[in-house]
Amino acid sequence: MNMLKAIAAAAVLMTPAAAMASNVVAKTGESVANFFKDEGAKVEVTTDSVGDPNLKVEYYGNDFSVYYYGCSDNTNCEAIQFFSGYQTDGSVRLSKINEWNTNNRFARAYVSEEGSARIEMDVLLGDDGMTPDDFADAVGLWNRAMQDFEEFIDWN
């Protein structure tokens, strides 16, 4: 009888709803925030100017924001964007940013109207989200891109 219970429990865990329960999703700010909190990051959950979720994250010495996109009524968002800005007062030329964008695949950079260098990376989570391992890979790409970008623009 115990074997039958174990098989039944395993079958329940294999259902799509149970398998996706732990996925990182963009439905609200909490799932992504909880991922970073579980990683030991400091996270502040706020909202942006239209009421969509927004995160301020301190992760392994890097500060960045997470913006949410494709939201319906400030929930059920489809995608997030990692963002970091650097007040460079115009010292980073557009030609340098173009060089970055030519040589780097996942994150893109630009210069703001105020002359600040910025970098961002979109992550489509869709309806089902991403497994924590896949999301950790995306975060790793972002973290590495930020570090490389800071070196590229001679930040600090």
N, C-alpha and C. Protein backbone atom coordinates (compact mmCIF):
# COMPACT_ATOMS: atom_id res chain seq x y z
N MET A 1 0.82 -1.19 0.00
CA MET A 1 0.00 0.00 0.00
C MET A 1 0.87 1.26 0.00
N ASN A 2 1.98 1.26 0.76
CA ASN A 2 2.86 2.42 0.78
C ASN A 2 3.44 2.70 -0.60
N MET A 3 3.74 1.64 -1.37
CA MET A 3 4.26 1.81 -2.72
C MET A 3 3.21 2.48 -3.60
N LEU A 4 1.95 2.10 -3.45
CA LEU A 4 0.88 2.71 -4.23
C LEU A 4 0.75 4.20 -3.91
N LYS A 5 0.87 4.56 -2.63
CA LYS A 5 0.82 5.97 -2.24
C LYS A 5 2.00 6.74 -2.84
N ALA A 6 3.16 6.13 -2.84
CA ALA A 6 4.34 6.78 -3.39
C ALA A 6 4.18 7.02 -4.89
N ILE A 7 3.62 6.04 -5.59
CA ILE A 7 3.40 6.19 -7.03
C ILE A 7 2.36 7.28 -7.29
N ALA A 8 1.30 7.30 -6.50
CA ALA A 8 0.27 8.33 -6.66
C ALA A 8 0.84 9.72 -6.38
N ALA A 9 1.65 9.83 -5.35
CA ALA A 9 2.26 11.13 -5.03
C ALA A 9 3.19 11.57 -6.16
N ALA A 10 3.95 10.65 -6.71
CA ALA A 10 4.84 10.99 -7.82
C ALA A 10 4.05 11.43 -9.03
N ALA A 11 2.91 10.78 -9.29
CA ALA A 11 2.07 11.17 -10.42
C ALA A 11 1.53 12.58 -10.26
N VAL A 12 1.14 12.94 -9.05
CA VAL A 12 0.65 14.29 -8.79
C VAL A 12 1.76 15.30 -9.02
N LEU A 13 2.96 14.98 -8.58
CA LEU A 13 4.08 15.90 -8.75
C LEU A 13 4.49 16.06 -10.21
N MET A 14 4.14 15.10 -11.03
CA MET A 14 4.50 15.16 -12.45
C MET A 14 3.49 15.93 -13.28
N THR A 15 2.36 16.34 -12.70
CA THR A 15 1.36 17.09 -13.46
C THR A 15 1.91 18.45 -13.81
N PRO A 16 1.49 19.02 -14.93
CA PRO A 16 2.02 20.33 -15.34
C PRO A 16 1.87 21.41 -14.28
N ALA A 17 0.75 21.47 -13.60
CA ALA A 17 0.55 22.53 -12.59
C ALA A 17 1.57 22.40 -11.47
N ALA A 18 1.82 21.19 -11.02
CA ALA A 18 2.78 21.00 -9.94
C ALA A 18 4.20 21.26 -10.43
N ALA A 19 4.48 20.83 -11.66
CA ALA A 19 5.83 21.02 -12.19
C ALA A 19 6.15 22.49 -12.38
N MET A 20 5.13 23.30 -12.70
CA MET A 20 5.36 24.72 -12.96
C MET A 20 5.23 25.57 -11.70
N ALA A 21 4.79 24.99 -10.61
CA ALA A 21 4.55 25.78 -9.40
C ALA A 21 5.80 26.51 -8.95
N SER A 22 6.96 25.93 -9.18
CA SER A 22 8.18 26.56 -8.70
C SER A 22 8.86 27.42 -9.77
N ASN A 23 8.26 27.49 -10.96
CA ASN A 23 8.87 28.32 -12.00
C ASN A 23 8.89 29.79 -11.57
N VAL A 24 9.87 30.51 -12.07
CA VAL A 24 9.95 31.95 -11.84
C VAL A 24 9.07 32.59 -12.91
N VAL A 25 8.07 33.34 -12.46
CA VAL A 25 7.10 33.96 -13.36
C VAL A 25 7.07 35.47 -13.14
N ALA A 26 6.50 36.17 -14.11
CA ALA A 26 6.40 37.63 -14.01
C ALA A 26 4.97 38.07 -13.72
N LYS A 27 4.14 37.18 -13.22
CA LYS A 27 2.74 37.52 -12.97
C LYS A 27 2.60 38.68 -12.00
N THR A 28 3.42 38.70 -10.98
CA THR A 28 3.51 39.80 -10.02
C THR A 28 4.99 40.01 -9.74
N GLY A 29 5.32 40.95 -8.89
CA GLY A 29 6.72 41.16 -8.54
C GLY A 29 7.29 40.13 -7.60
N GLU A 30 6.44 39.34 -6.98
CA GLU A 30 6.89 38.47 -5.90
C GLU A 30 7.76 37.30 -6.34
N SER A 31 7.46 36.65 -7.44
CA SER A 31 8.20 35.47 -7.85
C SER A 31 9.67 35.79 -8.13
N VAL A 32 9.90 36.83 -8.92
CA VAL A 32 11.28 37.23 -9.23
C VAL A 32 11.96 37.74 -7.97
N ALA A 33 11.24 38.52 -7.16
CA ALA A 33 11.80 39.02 -5.90
C ALA A 33 12.21 37.86 -5.00
N ASN A 34 11.35 36.86 -4.90
CA ASN A 34 11.67 35.71 -4.05
C ASN A 34 12.88 34.94 -4.57
N PHE A 35 13.04 34.85 -5.88
CA PHE A 35 14.24 34.21 -6.43
C PHE A 35 15.48 34.91 -5.91
N PHE A 36 15.51 36.25 -6.03
CA PHE A 36 16.69 37.00 -5.59
C PHE A 36 16.87 36.93 -4.07
N LYS A 37 15.78 36.98 -3.32
CA LYS A 37 15.88 36.88 -1.86
C LYS A 37 16.46 35.53 -1.47
N ASP A 38 16.01 34.46 -2.15
CA ASP A 38 16.54 33.13 -1.87
C ASP A 38 18.04 33.04 -2.18
N GLU A 39 18.51 33.89 -3.08
CA GLU A 39 19.92 33.95 -3.43
C GLU A 39 20.71 34.85 -2.48
N GLY A 40 20.02 35.45 -1.50
CA GLY A 40 20.69 36.30 -0.53
C GLY A 40 20.75 37.77 -0.92
N ALA A 41 20.03 38.14 -1.96
CA ALA A 41 20.04 39.53 -2.42
C ALA A 41 19.08 40.38 -1.58
N LYS A 42 19.37 41.67 -1.55
CA LYS A 42 18.47 42.64 -0.94
C LYS A 42 17.53 43.12 -2.05
N VAL A 43 16.22 43.04 -1.81
CA VAL A 43 15.24 43.38 -2.84
C VAL A 43 14.18 44.31 -2.26
N GLU A 44 13.90 45.37 -2.99
CA GLU A 44 12.79 46.26 -2.65
C GLU A 44 11.75 46.15 -3.76
N VAL A 45 10.53 45.76 -3.40
CA VAL A 45 9.44 45.64 -4.36
C VAL A 45 8.65 46.94 -4.35
N THR A 46 8.57 47.59 -5.52
CA THR A 46 7.83 48.84 -5.66
C THR A 46 6.95 48.74 -6.90
N THR A 47 6.43 49.86 -7.35
CA THR A 47 5.71 49.92 -8.61
C THR A 47 6.26 51.07 -9.44
N ASP A 48 6.08 50.98 -10.75
CA ASP A 48 6.53 52.06 -11.62
C ASP A 48 5.43 53.11 -11.77
N SER A 49 5.61 54.04 -12.68
CA SER A 49 4.69 55.17 -12.81
C SER A 49 3.29 54.77 -13.29
N VAL A 50 3.14 53.58 -13.88
CA VAL A 50 1.82 53.12 -14.30
C VAL A 50 1.27 52.02 -13.39
N GLY A 51 1.99 51.70 -12.33
CA GLY A 51 1.52 50.72 -11.36
C GLY A 51 2.01 49.31 -11.57
N ASP A 52 2.83 49.08 -12.60
CA ASP A 52 3.39 47.74 -12.81
C ASP A 52 4.48 47.48 -11.78
N PRO A 53 4.74 46.21 -11.47
CA PRO A 53 5.79 45.89 -10.49
C PRO A 53 7.15 46.42 -10.94
N ASN A 54 7.98 46.71 -9.96
CA ASN A 54 9.35 47.18 -10.20
C ASN A 54 10.18 46.72 -9.02
N LEU A 55 11.36 46.21 -9.28
CA LEU A 55 12.24 45.75 -8.22
C LEU A 55 13.53 46.56 -8.23
N LYS A 56 14.03 46.85 -7.05
CA LYS A 56 15.37 47.40 -6.86
C LYS A 56 16.17 46.29 -6.20
N VAL A 57 17.25 45.86 -6.83
CA VAL A 57 17.97 44.67 -6.38
C VAL A 57 19.43 45.02 -6.11
N GLU A 58 19.96 44.51 -4.99
CA GLU A 58 21.39 44.52 -4.69
C GLU A 58 21.82 43.06 -4.68
N TYR A 59 22.63 42.67 -5.67
CA TYR A 59 22.96 41.27 -5.89
C TYR A 59 24.45 41.14 -6.18
N TYR A 60 25.17 40.49 -5.29
CA TYR A 60 26.61 40.28 -5.43
C TYR A 60 27.35 41.56 -5.77
N GLY A 61 27.04 42.62 -5.06
CA GLY A 61 27.73 43.89 -5.24
C GLY A 61 27.23 44.73 -6.40
N ASN A 62 26.24 44.26 -7.11
CA ASN A 62 25.67 45.03 -8.22
C ASN A 62 24.28 45.53 -7.86
N ASP A 63 24.00 46.78 -8.19
CA ASP A 63 22.67 47.36 -8.01
C ASP A 63 22.02 47.48 -9.37
N PHE A 64 20.78 47.03 -9.47
CA PHE A 64 20.05 47.16 -10.73
C PHE A 64 18.55 47.13 -10.46
N SER A 65 17.79 47.47 -11.48
CA SER A 65 16.33 47.45 -11.40
C SER A 65 15.79 46.34 -12.28
N VAL A 66 14.59 45.89 -11.94
CA VAL A 66 13.87 44.93 -12.77
C VAL A 66 12.52 45.57 -13.10
N TYR A 67 12.30 45.82 -14.39
CA TYR A 67 11.04 46.38 -14.87
C TYR A 67 10.19 45.27 -15.47
N TYR A 68 8.88 45.42 -15.37
CA TYR A 68 7.93 44.42 -15.86
C TYR A 68 7.21 44.96 -17.09
N TYR A 69 7.01 44.09 -18.09
CA TYR A 69 6.38 44.49 -19.35
C TYR A 69 5.30 43.50 -19.76
N GLY A 70 4.38 43.98 -20.59
CA GLY A 70 3.29 43.13 -21.08
C GLY A 70 2.31 42.78 -19.98
N CYS A 71 2.06 43.72 -19.08
CA CYS A 71 1.17 43.47 -17.94
C CYS A 71 -0.28 43.80 -18.29
N SER A 72 -1.21 43.11 -17.66
CA SER A 72 -2.63 43.42 -17.74
C SER A 72 -3.08 43.87 -16.37
N ASP A 73 -3.52 45.10 -16.27
CA ASP A 73 -3.97 45.65 -14.98
C ASP A 73 -2.91 45.48 -13.90
N ASN A 74 -1.66 45.73 -14.26
CA ASN A 74 -0.52 45.71 -13.33
C ASN A 74 -0.19 44.33 -12.78
N THR A 75 -0.72 43.28 -13.39
CA THR A 75 -0.38 41.90 -13.03
C THR A 75 -0.27 41.09 -14.33
N ASN A 76 -0.06 39.81 -14.17
CA ASN A 76 0.02 38.90 -15.33
C ASN A 76 0.99 39.42 -16.39
N CYS A 77 2.14 39.86 -15.95
CA CYS A 77 3.15 40.39 -16.87
C CYS A 77 3.81 39.25 -17.63
N GLU A 78 4.28 39.54 -18.83
CA GLU A 78 4.88 38.53 -19.68
C GLU A 78 6.40 38.52 -19.66
N ALA A 79 6.99 39.68 -19.38
CA ALA A 79 8.44 39.79 -19.50
C ALA A 79 8.99 40.74 -18.45
N ILE A 80 10.28 40.61 -18.22
CA ILE A 80 10.98 41.54 -17.34
C ILE A 80 12.18 42.10 -18.08
N GLN A 81 12.68 43.20 -17.55
CA GLN A 81 13.89 43.79 -18.10
C GLN A 81 14.82 44.14 -16.95
N PHE A 82 16.04 43.61 -17.01
CA PHE A 82 17.08 44.01 -16.08
C PHE A 82 17.65 45.33 -16.60
N PHE A 83 17.91 46.29 -15.70
CA PHE A 83 18.37 47.61 -16.12
C PHE A 83 19.38 48.15 -15.12
N SER A 84 20.45 48.76 -15.64
CA SER A 84 21.40 49.47 -14.79
C SER A 84 21.88 50.71 -15.54
N GLY A 85 21.94 51.83 -14.82
CA GLY A 85 22.38 53.09 -15.41
C GLY A 85 23.59 53.64 -14.68
N TYR A 86 24.44 54.34 -15.42
CA TYR A 86 25.69 54.86 -14.89
C TYR A 86 25.81 56.34 -15.27
N GLN A 87 25.90 57.20 -14.27
CA GLN A 87 26.02 58.64 -14.52
C GLN A 87 27.43 58.94 -15.02
N THR A 88 27.55 58.99 -16.32
CA THR A 88 28.86 59.21 -16.94
C THR A 88 28.98 60.61 -17.53
N ASP A 89 27.94 61.40 -17.41
CA ASP A 89 27.96 62.80 -17.86
C ASP A 89 28.51 62.98 -19.28
N GLY A 90 28.15 62.06 -20.15
CA GLY A 90 28.56 62.18 -21.55
C GLY A 90 29.96 61.70 -21.87
N SER A 91 30.68 61.17 -20.89
CA SER A 91 32.06 60.74 -21.15
C SER A 91 32.15 59.47 -21.99
N VAL A 92 31.06 58.71 -22.05
CA VAL A 92 31.05 57.50 -22.88
C VAL A 92 30.39 57.87 -24.21
N ARG A 93 31.16 57.80 -25.25
CA ARG A 93 30.70 58.20 -26.58
C ARG A 93 29.79 57.14 -27.21
N LEU A 94 28.93 57.60 -28.09
CA LEU A 94 28.04 56.70 -28.80
C LEU A 94 28.81 55.64 -29.58
N SER A 95 29.95 56.01 -30.14
CA SER A 95 30.76 55.03 -30.88
C SER A 95 31.22 53.89 -29.98
N LYS A 96 31.50 54.18 -28.72
CA LYS A 96 31.89 53.14 -27.77
C LYS A 96 30.70 52.23 -27.46
N ILE A 97 29.53 52.84 -27.27
CA ILE A 97 28.31 52.05 -27.03
C ILE A 97 28.01 51.17 -28.24
N ASN A 98 28.17 51.71 -29.44
CA ASN A 98 27.97 50.91 -30.66
C ASN A 98 28.93 49.73 -30.70
N GLU A 99 30.16 49.95 -30.28
CA GLU A 99 31.14 48.86 -30.21
C GLU A 99 30.65 47.78 -29.25
N TRP A 100 30.15 48.20 -28.09
CA TRP A 100 29.60 47.23 -27.13
C TRP A 100 28.48 46.42 -27.77
N ASN A 101 27.53 47.10 -28.38
CA ASN A 101 26.37 46.41 -28.96
C ASN A 101 26.76 45.49 -30.10
N THR A 102 27.80 45.83 -30.83
CA THR A 102 28.27 44.98 -31.92
C THR A 102 28.89 43.69 -31.39
N ASN A 103 29.57 43.77 -30.26
CA ASN A 103 30.35 42.63 -29.76
C ASN A 103 29.69 41.85 -28.64
N ASN A 104 28.50 42.24 -28.21
CA ASN A 104 27.84 41.55 -27.10
C ASN A 104 26.44 41.15 -27.50
N ARG A 105 26.09 39.93 -27.15
CA ARG A 105 24.88 39.33 -27.69
C ARG A 105 23.63 39.57 -26.87
N PHE A 106 23.63 39.39 -25.58
CA PHE A 106 22.38 39.35 -24.82
C PHE A 106 21.94 40.69 -24.25
N ALA A 107 22.85 41.50 -23.80
CA ALA A 107 22.51 42.79 -23.21
C ALA A 107 22.81 43.90 -24.21
N ARG A 108 21.99 44.94 -24.18
CA ARG A 108 22.22 46.07 -25.07
C ARG A 108 22.46 47.32 -24.25
N ALA A 109 23.18 48.25 -24.85
CA ALA A 109 23.54 49.48 -24.15
C ALA A 109 23.13 50.68 -24.99
N TYR A 110 23.00 51.81 -24.32
CA TYR A 110 22.72 53.07 -25.01
C TYR A 110 23.13 54.22 -24.11
N VAL A 111 23.11 55.41 -24.67
CA VAL A 111 23.39 56.62 -23.91
C VAL A 111 22.08 57.38 -23.78
N SER A 112 21.73 57.76 -22.55
CA SER A 112 20.49 58.50 -22.31
C SER A 112 20.62 59.94 -22.81
N GLU A 113 19.50 60.63 -22.85
CA GLU A 113 19.51 62.05 -23.25
C GLU A 113 20.39 62.88 -22.32
N GLU A 114 20.52 62.45 -21.06
CA GLU A 114 21.34 63.17 -20.08
C GLU A 114 22.82 62.80 -20.18
N GLY A 115 23.15 61.85 -21.06
CA GLY A 115 24.55 61.45 -21.22
C GLY A 115 24.99 60.30 -20.34
N SER A 116 24.04 59.63 -19.70
CA SER A 116 24.38 58.47 -18.86
C SER A 116 24.45 57.21 -19.71
N ALA A 117 25.41 56.35 -19.40
CA ALA A 117 25.50 55.05 -20.07
C ALA A 117 24.54 54.09 -19.39
N ARG A 118 23.81 53.33 -20.18
CA ARG A 118 22.82 52.40 -19.64
C ARG A 118 22.94 51.05 -20.32
N ILE A 119 22.59 50.02 -19.55
CA ILE A 119 22.59 48.66 -20.09
C ILE A 119 21.31 47.98 -19.62
N GLU A 120 20.75 47.14 -20.50
CA GLU A 120 19.53 46.42 -20.15
C GLU A 120 19.48 45.09 -20.88
N MET A 121 18.68 44.18 -20.32
CA MET A 121 18.51 42.86 -20.91
C MET A 121 17.08 42.40 -20.66
N ASP A 122 16.38 42.03 -21.72
CA ASP A 122 15.01 41.54 -21.60
C ASP A 122 15.00 40.03 -21.39
N VAL A 123 14.03 39.57 -20.60
CA VAL A 123 13.82 38.14 -20.38
C VAL A 123 12.33 37.86 -20.53
N LEU A 124 11.96 37.07 -21.53
CA LEU A 124 10.57 36.69 -21.75
C LEU A 124 10.26 35.50 -20.84
N LEU A 125 9.32 35.69 -19.93
CA LEU A 125 8.92 34.60 -19.04
C LEU A 125 7.60 33.97 -19.48
N GLY A 126 6.80 34.68 -20.26
CA GLY A 126 5.56 34.13 -20.78
C GLY A 126 4.60 33.71 -19.69
N ASP A 127 3.65 32.88 -20.06
CA ASP A 127 2.64 32.42 -19.11
C ASP A 127 3.19 31.42 -18.11
N ASP A 128 4.11 30.57 -18.55
CA ASP A 128 4.57 29.47 -17.72
C ASP A 128 5.84 29.78 -16.94
N GLY A 129 6.52 30.85 -17.26
CA GLY A 129 7.74 31.20 -16.54
C GLY A 129 8.92 30.35 -16.97
N MET A 130 9.94 30.37 -16.12
CA MET A 130 11.19 29.65 -16.36
C MET A 130 11.51 28.83 -15.13
N THR A 131 12.16 27.72 -15.34
CA THR A 131 12.62 26.96 -14.18
C THR A 131 13.62 27.82 -13.42
N PRO A 132 13.75 27.61 -12.12
CA PRO A 132 14.75 28.37 -11.36
C PRO A 132 16.16 28.23 -11.94
N ASP A 133 16.51 27.05 -12.43
CA ASP A 133 17.85 26.86 -13.02
C ASP A 133 18.02 27.69 -14.28
N ASP A 134 17.01 27.70 -15.15
CA ASP A 134 17.10 28.50 -16.38
C ASP A 134 17.12 29.99 -16.04
N PHE A 135 16.32 30.40 -15.05
CA PHE A 135 16.31 31.81 -14.66
C PHE A 135 17.67 32.19 -14.06
N ALA A 136 18.26 31.29 -13.29
CA ALA A 136 19.59 31.55 -12.72
C ALA A 136 20.61 31.74 -13.84
N ASP A 137 20.47 30.98 -14.93
CA ASP A 137 21.37 31.16 -16.07
C ASP A 137 21.19 32.55 -16.68
N ALA A 138 19.93 33.00 -16.81
CA ALA A 138 19.66 34.34 -17.35
C ALA A 138 20.24 35.41 -16.43
N VAL A 139 20.08 35.23 -15.13
CA VAL A 139 20.63 36.19 -14.17
C VAL A 139 22.16 36.19 -14.25
N GLY A 140 22.74 35.02 -14.44
CA GLY A 140 24.19 34.94 -14.60
C GLY A 140 24.67 35.70 -15.82
N LEU A 141 23.94 35.58 -16.94
CA LEU A 141 24.28 36.35 -18.14
C LEU A 141 24.20 37.84 -17.86
N TRP A 142 23.15 38.25 -17.15
CA TRP A 142 22.97 39.66 -16.82
C TRP A 142 24.09 40.16 -15.92
N ASN A 143 24.37 39.41 -14.88
CA ASN A 143 25.40 39.81 -13.93
C ASN A 143 26.76 39.97 -14.63
N ARG A 144 27.07 39.02 -15.49
CA ARG A 144 28.34 39.07 -16.23
C ARG A 144 28.35 40.27 -17.19
N ALA A 145 27.22 40.51 -17.85
CA ALA A 145 27.13 41.64 -18.79
C ALA A 145 27.34 42.96 -18.05
N MET A 146 26.74 43.09 -16.86
CA MET A 146 26.94 44.33 -16.08
C MET A 146 28.40 44.52 -15.73
N GLN A 147 29.04 43.46 -15.25
CA GLN A 147 30.45 43.55 -14.88
C GLN A 147 31.32 43.91 -16.09
N ASP A 148 31.06 43.24 -17.21
CA ASP A 148 31.83 43.52 -18.42
C ASP A 148 31.59 44.95 -18.90
N PHE A 149 30.33 45.41 -18.82
CA PHE A 149 30.01 46.76 -19.26
C PHE A 149 30.69 47.80 -18.39
N GLU A 150 30.67 47.58 -17.08
CA GLU A 150 31.34 48.52 -16.17
C GLU A 150 32.83 48.62 -16.49
N GLU A 151 33.44 47.50 -16.79
CA GLU A 151 34.86 47.52 -17.18
C GLU A 151 35.02 48.23 -18.53
N PHE A 152 34.13 47.96 -19.44
CA PHE A 152 34.19 48.54 -20.78
C PHE A 152 34.10 50.06 -20.77
N ILE A 153 33.26 50.60 -19.88
CA ILE A 153 33.10 52.07 -19.82
C ILE A 153 34.01 52.70 -18.77
N ASP A 154 34.91 51.90 -18.20
CA ASP A 154 35.84 52.37 -17.15
C ASP A 154 35.09 52.95 -15.95
N TRP A 155 34.05 52.21 -15.50
CA TRP A 155 33.27 52.63 -14.35
C TRP A 155 34.04 52.30 -13.07
N ASN A 156 34.27 53.27 -12.26
CA ASN A 156 35.00 53.14 -10.99
C ASN A 156 36.33 52.49 -11.22
